[in-house]
Amino acid sequence: MRHIVRNILFIWMFGTTAYSQQMVPGAIPTPNAADLGKYGEIPVSYYTGRPDISIPIYKMVIRGYEFPIYLSYDAGGVMPNSLPGWVGNNWTLVAGGVITRVRNNYDDETIPIGGNSDHFSNYFSSYKKLKEEKYNVDKLKDYVVMTRYDFAPDIFHFNFMGEDGKVFPWQ
């Protein structure tokens, strides 16, 4: 009888601490609400409002400079009939940096074809014609339509080591 009373007291005293179920929280969020919390961890651009989604792949260190290699996602939406790149639709492989060129009309360094510069001229020779006094606006409009002159410089965009911008190298 003594052992029975002792066992009952033992179970009664330590039974509350051996309670193995977890406490249920007061408010469990729905799956949709819980998914919204994930975006708090992703930085958002204050300029465009798009999240900065990137997946680091590798980091090269050369002479103390770090060059990260990562995949970056453009969350601006998928355009219809857009062709995916090497890493997928709206994904970009960023490895060091890039310089791109926006060509306006013809290449700025193009040489006239056929030896006759009246039929084709690049930006370097065309820009000089704009400064000449013999061209007034009406004459210049007809001149541009009738011949193939390039009066717009090419624009070079750069993005590397955290810096980006655009350059008009010929001015």
C-alpha atoms as a PDB file:
ATOM      1  CA  MET A   1       0.000   0.000   0.000  1.00  0.00           C
ATOM      2  CA  ARG A   2       2.844   2.268   0.801  1.00  0.00           C
ATOM      3  CA  HIS A   3       4.378   1.766  -2.654  1.00  0.00           C
ATOM      4  CA  ILE A   4       1.087   2.515  -4.351  1.00  0.00           C
ATOM      5  CA  VAL A   5       0.661   5.821  -2.473  1.00  0.00           C
ATOM      6  CA  ARG A   6       4.260   6.785  -3.196  1.00  0.00           C
ATOM      7  CA  ASN A   7       3.862   6.016  -6.921  1.00  0.00           C
ATOM      8  CA  ILE A   8       0.623   7.996  -7.133  1.00  0.00           C
ATOM      9  CA  LEU A   9       2.253  10.991  -5.409  1.00  0.00           C
ATOM     10  CA  PHE A  10       5.282  10.702  -7.686  1.00  0.00           C
ATOM     11  CA  ILE A  11       3.132  10.638 -10.821  1.00  0.00           C
ATOM     12  CA  TRP A  12       0.959  13.483  -9.530  1.00  0.00           C
ATOM     13  CA  MET A  13       3.930  15.748  -8.671  1.00  0.00           C
ATOM     14  CA  PHE A  14       5.943  15.238 -11.830  1.00  0.00           C
ATOM     15  CA  GLY A  15       3.087  14.637 -14.251  1.00  0.00           C
ATOM     16  CA  THR A  16       2.540  18.329 -14.953  1.00  0.00           C
ATOM     17  CA  THR A  17       6.154  18.879 -15.984  1.00  0.00           C
ATOM     18  CA  ALA A  18       6.093  15.853 -18.283  1.00  0.00           C
ATOM     19  CA  TYR A  19       3.224  17.332 -20.309  1.00  0.00           C
ATOM     20  CA  SER A  20       4.665  16.909 -23.825  1.00  0.00           C
ATOM     21  CA  GLN A  21       2.213  18.796 -26.059  1.00  0.00           C
ATOM     22  CA  GLN A  22       3.006  22.319 -27.208  1.00  0.00           C
ATOM     23  CA  MET A  23       0.834  25.271 -26.375  1.00  0.00           C
ATOM     24  CA  VAL A  24      -1.430  26.413 -29.214  1.00  0.00           C
ATOM     25  CA  PRO A  25      -0.841  30.087 -30.041  1.00  0.00           C
ATOM     26  CA  GLY A  26      -3.768  32.455 -29.768  1.00  0.00           C
ATOM     27  CA  ALA A  27      -3.969  33.411 -33.463  1.00  0.00           C
ATOM     28  CA  ILE A  28      -2.621  31.189 -36.211  1.00  0.00           C
ATOM     29  CA  PRO A  29      -2.093  33.132 -39.471  1.00  0.00           C
ATOM     30  CA  THR A  30      -3.614  31.789 -42.651  1.00  0.00           C
ATOM     31  CA  PRO A  31      -1.187  30.487 -45.284  1.00  0.00           C
ATOM     32  CA  ASN A  32      -1.724  33.615 -47.418  1.00  0.00           C
ATOM     33  CA  ALA A  33      -0.973  35.926 -44.507  1.00  0.00           C
ATOM     34  CA  ALA A  34       2.071  33.874 -43.533  1.00  0.00           C
ATOM     35  CA  ASP A  35       3.447  34.147 -47.097  1.00  0.00           C
ATOM     36  CA  LEU A  36       3.243  37.941 -46.939  1.00  0.00           C
ATOM     37  CA  GLY A  37       5.768  37.878 -44.114  1.00  0.00           C
ATOM     38  CA  LYS A  38       8.396  36.459 -46.458  1.00  0.00           C
ATOM     39  CA  TYR A  39       8.615  39.725 -48.387  1.00  0.00           C
ATOM     40  CA  GLY A  40       9.705  41.610 -45.295  1.00  0.00           C
ATOM     41  CA  GLU A  41      13.044  39.822 -45.563  1.00  0.00           C
ATOM     42  CA  ILE A  42      13.637  40.831 -49.204  1.00  0.00           C
ATOM     43  CA  PRO A  43      14.887  44.406 -49.775  1.00  0.00           C
ATOM     44  CA  VAL A  44      12.672  46.567 -51.995  1.00  0.00           C
ATOM     45  CA  SER A  45      13.831  49.397 -54.242  1.00  0.00           C
ATOM     46  CA  TYR A  46      12.339  52.681 -53.064  1.00  0.00           C
ATOM     47  CA  TYR A  47      12.667  54.032 -56.606  1.00  0.00           C
ATOM     48  CA  THR A  48      10.798  51.318 -58.542  1.00  0.00           C
ATOM     49  CA  GLY A  49       8.969  49.433 -55.787  1.00  0.00           C
ATOM     50  CA  ARG A  50      10.285  46.111 -57.064  1.00  0.00           C
ATOM     51  CA  PRO A  51      11.858  43.566 -54.746  1.00  0.00           C
ATOM     52  CA  ASP A  52      15.577  42.941 -55.155  1.00  0.00           C
ATOM     53  CA  ILE A  53      15.581  39.174 -55.604  1.00  0.00           C
ATOM     54  CA  SER A  54      19.023  37.674 -56.088  1.00  0.00           C
ATOM     55  CA  ILE A  55      20.650  34.291 -55.585  1.00  0.00           C
ATOM     56  CA  PRO A  56      24.393  34.366 -54.815  1.00  0.00           C
ATOM     57  CA  ILE A  57      26.402  31.783 -56.738  1.00  0.00           C
ATOM     58  CA  TYR A  58      30.065  32.560 -56.117  1.00  0.00           C
ATOM     59  CA  LYS A  59      32.296  35.382 -54.867  1.00  0.00           C
ATOM     60  CA  MET A  60      35.691  35.999 -56.474  1.00  0.00           C
ATOM     61  CA  VAL A  61      38.330  37.885 -54.490  1.00  0.00           C
ATOM     62  CA  ILE A  62      41.106  39.413 -56.607  1.00  0.00           C
ATOM     63  CA  ARG A  63      43.718  41.633 -54.928  1.00  0.00           C
ATOM     64  CA  GLY A  64      41.341  42.507 -52.127  1.00  0.00           C
ATOM     65  CA  TYR A  65      38.400  43.373 -54.399  1.00  0.00           C
ATOM     66  CA  GLU A  66      35.278  41.234 -54.224  1.00  0.00           C
ATOM     67  CA  PHE A  67      33.417  40.354 -57.407  1.00  0.00           C
ATOM     68  CA  PRO A  68      30.137  38.586 -56.620  1.00  0.00           C
ATOM     69  CA  ILE A  69      28.520  36.328 -59.193  1.00  0.00           C
ATOM     70  CA  TYR A  70      24.779  35.994 -58.700  1.00  0.00           C
ATOM     71  CA  LEU A  71      21.435  35.536 -60.410  1.00  0.00           C
ATOM     72  CA  SER A  72      19.114  38.540 -60.319  1.00  0.00           C
ATOM     73  CA  TYR A  73      15.362  38.486 -60.985  1.00  0.00           C
ATOM     74  CA  ASP A  74      13.390  41.354 -62.493  1.00  0.00           C
ATOM     75  CA  ALA A  75       9.994  41.328 -60.775  1.00  0.00           C
ATOM     76  CA  GLY A  76       8.480  43.762 -63.273  1.00  0.00           C
ATOM     77  CA  GLY A  77       6.401  41.031 -64.871  1.00  0.00           C
ATOM     78  CA  VAL A  78       6.899  38.784 -67.853  1.00  0.00           C
ATOM     79  CA  MET A  79       6.303  40.489 -71.178  1.00  0.00           C
ATOM     80  CA  PRO A  80       4.338  38.548 -73.808  1.00  0.00           C
ATOM     81  CA  ASN A  81       6.478  37.007 -76.544  1.00  0.00           C
ATOM     82  CA  SER A  82       9.688  37.803 -74.663  1.00  0.00           C
ATOM     83  CA  LEU A  83      12.469  35.333 -75.233  1.00  0.00           C
ATOM     84  CA  PRO A  84      14.129  33.930 -72.113  1.00  0.00           C
ATOM     85  CA  GLY A  85      17.853  34.393 -71.629  1.00  0.00           C
ATOM     86  CA  TRP A  86      20.430  31.788 -70.659  1.00  0.00           C
ATOM     87  CA  VAL A  87      19.172  31.504 -67.093  1.00  0.00           C
ATOM     88  CA  GLY A  88      15.414  31.898 -67.634  1.00  0.00           C
ATOM     89  CA  ASN A  89      12.670  34.440 -68.144  1.00  0.00           C
ATOM     90  CA  ASN A  90      13.400  37.701 -66.264  1.00  0.00           C
ATOM     91  CA  TRP A  91      16.568  36.186 -64.733  1.00  0.00           C
ATOM     92  CA  THR A  92      19.980  37.739 -65.350  1.00  0.00           C
ATOM     93  CA  LEU A  93      23.445  36.369 -64.609  1.00  0.00           C
ATOM     94  CA  VAL A  94      25.473  39.186 -63.031  1.00  0.00           C
ATOM     95  CA  ALA A  95      29.206  38.507 -63.137  1.00  0.00           C
ATOM     96  CA  GLY A  96      31.348  41.593 -62.602  1.00  0.00           C
ATOM     97  CA  GLY A  97      29.598  44.132 -64.769  1.00  0.00           C
ATOM     98  CA  VAL A  98      28.409  45.121 -68.190  1.00  0.00           C
ATOM     99  CA  ILE A  99      28.674  47.965 -70.696  1.00  0.00           C
ATOM    100  CA  THR A 100      25.832  48.152 -73.208  1.00  0.00           C
ATOM    101  CA  ARG A 101      25.337  50.407 -76.189  1.00  0.00           C
ATOM    102  CA  VAL A 102      22.123  52.037 -77.389  1.00  0.00           C
ATOM    103  CA  ARG A 103      22.688  52.710 -81.065  1.00  0.00           C
ATOM    104  CA  ASN A 104      20.900  55.767 -82.450  1.00  0.00           C
ATOM    105  CA  ASN A 105      20.597  55.431 -86.229  1.00  0.00           C
ATOM    106  CA  TYR A 106      24.055  54.193 -87.309  1.00  0.00           C
ATOM    107  CA  ASP A 107      27.198  53.290 -85.387  1.00  0.00           C
ATOM    108  CA  ASP A 108      29.121  56.450 -84.535  1.00  0.00           C
ATOM    109  CA  GLU A 109      32.410  55.083 -85.821  1.00  0.00           C
ATOM    110  CA  THR A 110      31.004  53.675 -89.090  1.00  0.00           C
ATOM    111  CA  ILE A 111      32.932  54.531 -92.250  1.00  0.00           C
ATOM    112  CA  PRO A 112      30.921  55.733 -95.278  1.00  0.00           C
ATOM    113  CA  ILE A 113      30.130  52.902 -97.664  1.00  0.00           C
ATOM    114  CA  GLY A 114      31.134  53.064-101.313  1.00  0.00           C
ATOM    115  CA  GLY A 115      33.483  56.023-100.939  1.00  0.00           C
ATOM    116  CA  ASN A 116      30.679  58.564-101.453  1.00  0.00           C
ATOM    117  CA  SER A 117      30.126  60.336 -98.145  1.00  0.00           C
ATOM    118  CA  ASP A 118      27.059  62.227 -99.471  1.00  0.00           C
ATOM    119  CA  HIS A 119      24.934  59.086 -99.266  1.00  0.00           C
ATOM    120  CA  PHE A 120      25.999  57.939 -95.840  1.00  0.00           C
ATOM    121  CA  SER A 121      27.700  59.676 -92.958  1.00  0.00           C
ATOM    122  CA  ASN A 122      28.347  58.852 -89.339  1.00  0.00           C
ATOM    123  CA  TYR A 123      27.814  60.955 -86.235  1.00  0.00           C
ATOM    124  CA  PHE A 124      31.322  62.431 -86.259  1.00  0.00           C
ATOM    125  CA  SER A 125      30.946  64.023 -89.683  1.00  0.00           C
ATOM    126  CA  SER A 126      27.209  64.757 -89.316  1.00  0.00           C
ATOM    127  CA  TYR A 127      27.612  66.654 -86.049  1.00  0.00           C
ATOM    128  CA  LYS A 128      30.017  69.066 -87.732  1.00  0.00           C
ATOM    129  CA  LYS A 129      27.375  69.870 -90.358  1.00  0.00           C
ATOM    130  CA  LEU A 130      24.979  71.004 -87.611  1.00  0.00           C
ATOM    131  CA  LYS A 131      27.422  73.744 -86.630  1.00  0.00           C
ATOM    132  CA  GLU A 132      27.847  75.097 -90.145  1.00  0.00           C
ATOM    133  CA  GLU A 133      26.035  78.329 -90.916  1.00  0.00           C
ATOM    134  CA  LYS A 134      24.827  77.274 -94.355  1.00  0.00           C
ATOM    135  CA  TYR A 135      22.210  74.903 -92.886  1.00  0.00           C
ATOM    136  CA  ASN A 136      19.022  76.458 -91.652  1.00  0.00           C
ATOM    137  CA  VAL A 137      16.326  74.349 -89.952  1.00  0.00           C
ATOM    138  CA  ASP A 138      14.094  73.884 -93.010  1.00  0.00           C
ATOM    139  CA  LYS A 139      17.001  72.990 -95.232  1.00  0.00           C
ATOM    140  CA  LEU A 140      18.375  70.630 -92.588  1.00  0.00           C
ATOM    141  CA  LYS A 141      15.056  68.738 -92.284  1.00  0.00           C
ATOM    142  CA  ASP A 142      15.011  68.077 -96.017  1.00  0.00           C
ATOM    143  CA  TYR A 143      18.677  67.172 -95.935  1.00  0.00           C
ATOM    144  CA  VAL A 144      18.191  64.596 -93.179  1.00  0.00           C
ATOM    145  CA  VAL A 145      15.241  62.975 -94.961  1.00  0.00           C
ATOM    146  CA  MET A 146      16.930  62.845 -98.370  1.00  0.00           C
ATOM    147  CA  THR A 147      20.283  61.493 -97.161  1.00  0.00           C
ATOM    148  CA  ARG A 148      21.359  59.013 -94.547  1.00  0.00           C
ATOM    149  CA  TYR A 149      23.005  61.171 -91.929  1.00  0.00           C
ATOM    150  CA  ASP A 150      23.325  60.289 -88.266  1.00  0.00           C
ATOM    151  CA  PHE A 151      22.710  63.321 -86.055  1.00  0.00           C
ATOM    152  CA  ALA A 152      22.173  61.402 -82.796  1.00  0.00           C
ATOM    153  CA  PRO A 153      25.103  60.103 -80.725  1.00  0.00           C
ATOM    154  CA  ASP A 154      25.159  56.570 -79.366  1.00  0.00           C
ATOM    155  CA  ILE A 155      24.626  56.128 -75.611  1.00  0.00           C
ATOM    156  CA  PHE A 156      26.692  53.739 -73.507  1.00  0.00           C
ATOM    157  CA  HIS A 157      25.214  52.385 -70.249  1.00  0.00           C
ATOM    158  CA  PHE A 158      27.490  50.842 -67.626  1.00  0.00           C
ATOM    159  CA  ASN A 159      26.832  48.784 -64.500  1.00  0.00           C
ATOM    160  CA  PHE A 160      29.677  47.306 -62.446  1.00  0.00           C
ATOM    161  CA  MET A 161      30.980  47.237 -58.865  1.00  0.00           C
ATOM    162  CA  GLY A 162      27.748  48.764 -57.545  1.00  0.00           C
ATOM    163  CA  GLU A 163      27.870  51.790 -59.861  1.00  0.00           C
ATOM    164  CA  ASP A 164      25.693  52.465 -62.873  1.00  0.00           C
ATOM    165  CA  GLY A 165      25.113  55.300 -65.297  1.00  0.00           C
ATOM    166  CA  LYS A 166      25.274  56.385 -68.915  1.00  0.00           C
ATOM    167  CA  VAL A 167      27.955  58.047 -70.996  1.00  0.00           C
ATOM    168  CA  PHE A 168      28.044  60.058 -74.215  1.00  0.00           C
ATOM    169  CA  PRO A 169      31.709  59.409 -75.012  1.00  0.00           C
ATOM    170  CA  TRP A 170      32.012  61.705 -78.009  1.00  0.00           C
ATOM    171  CA  GLN A 171      31.102  64.987 -76.328  1.00  0.00           C
END
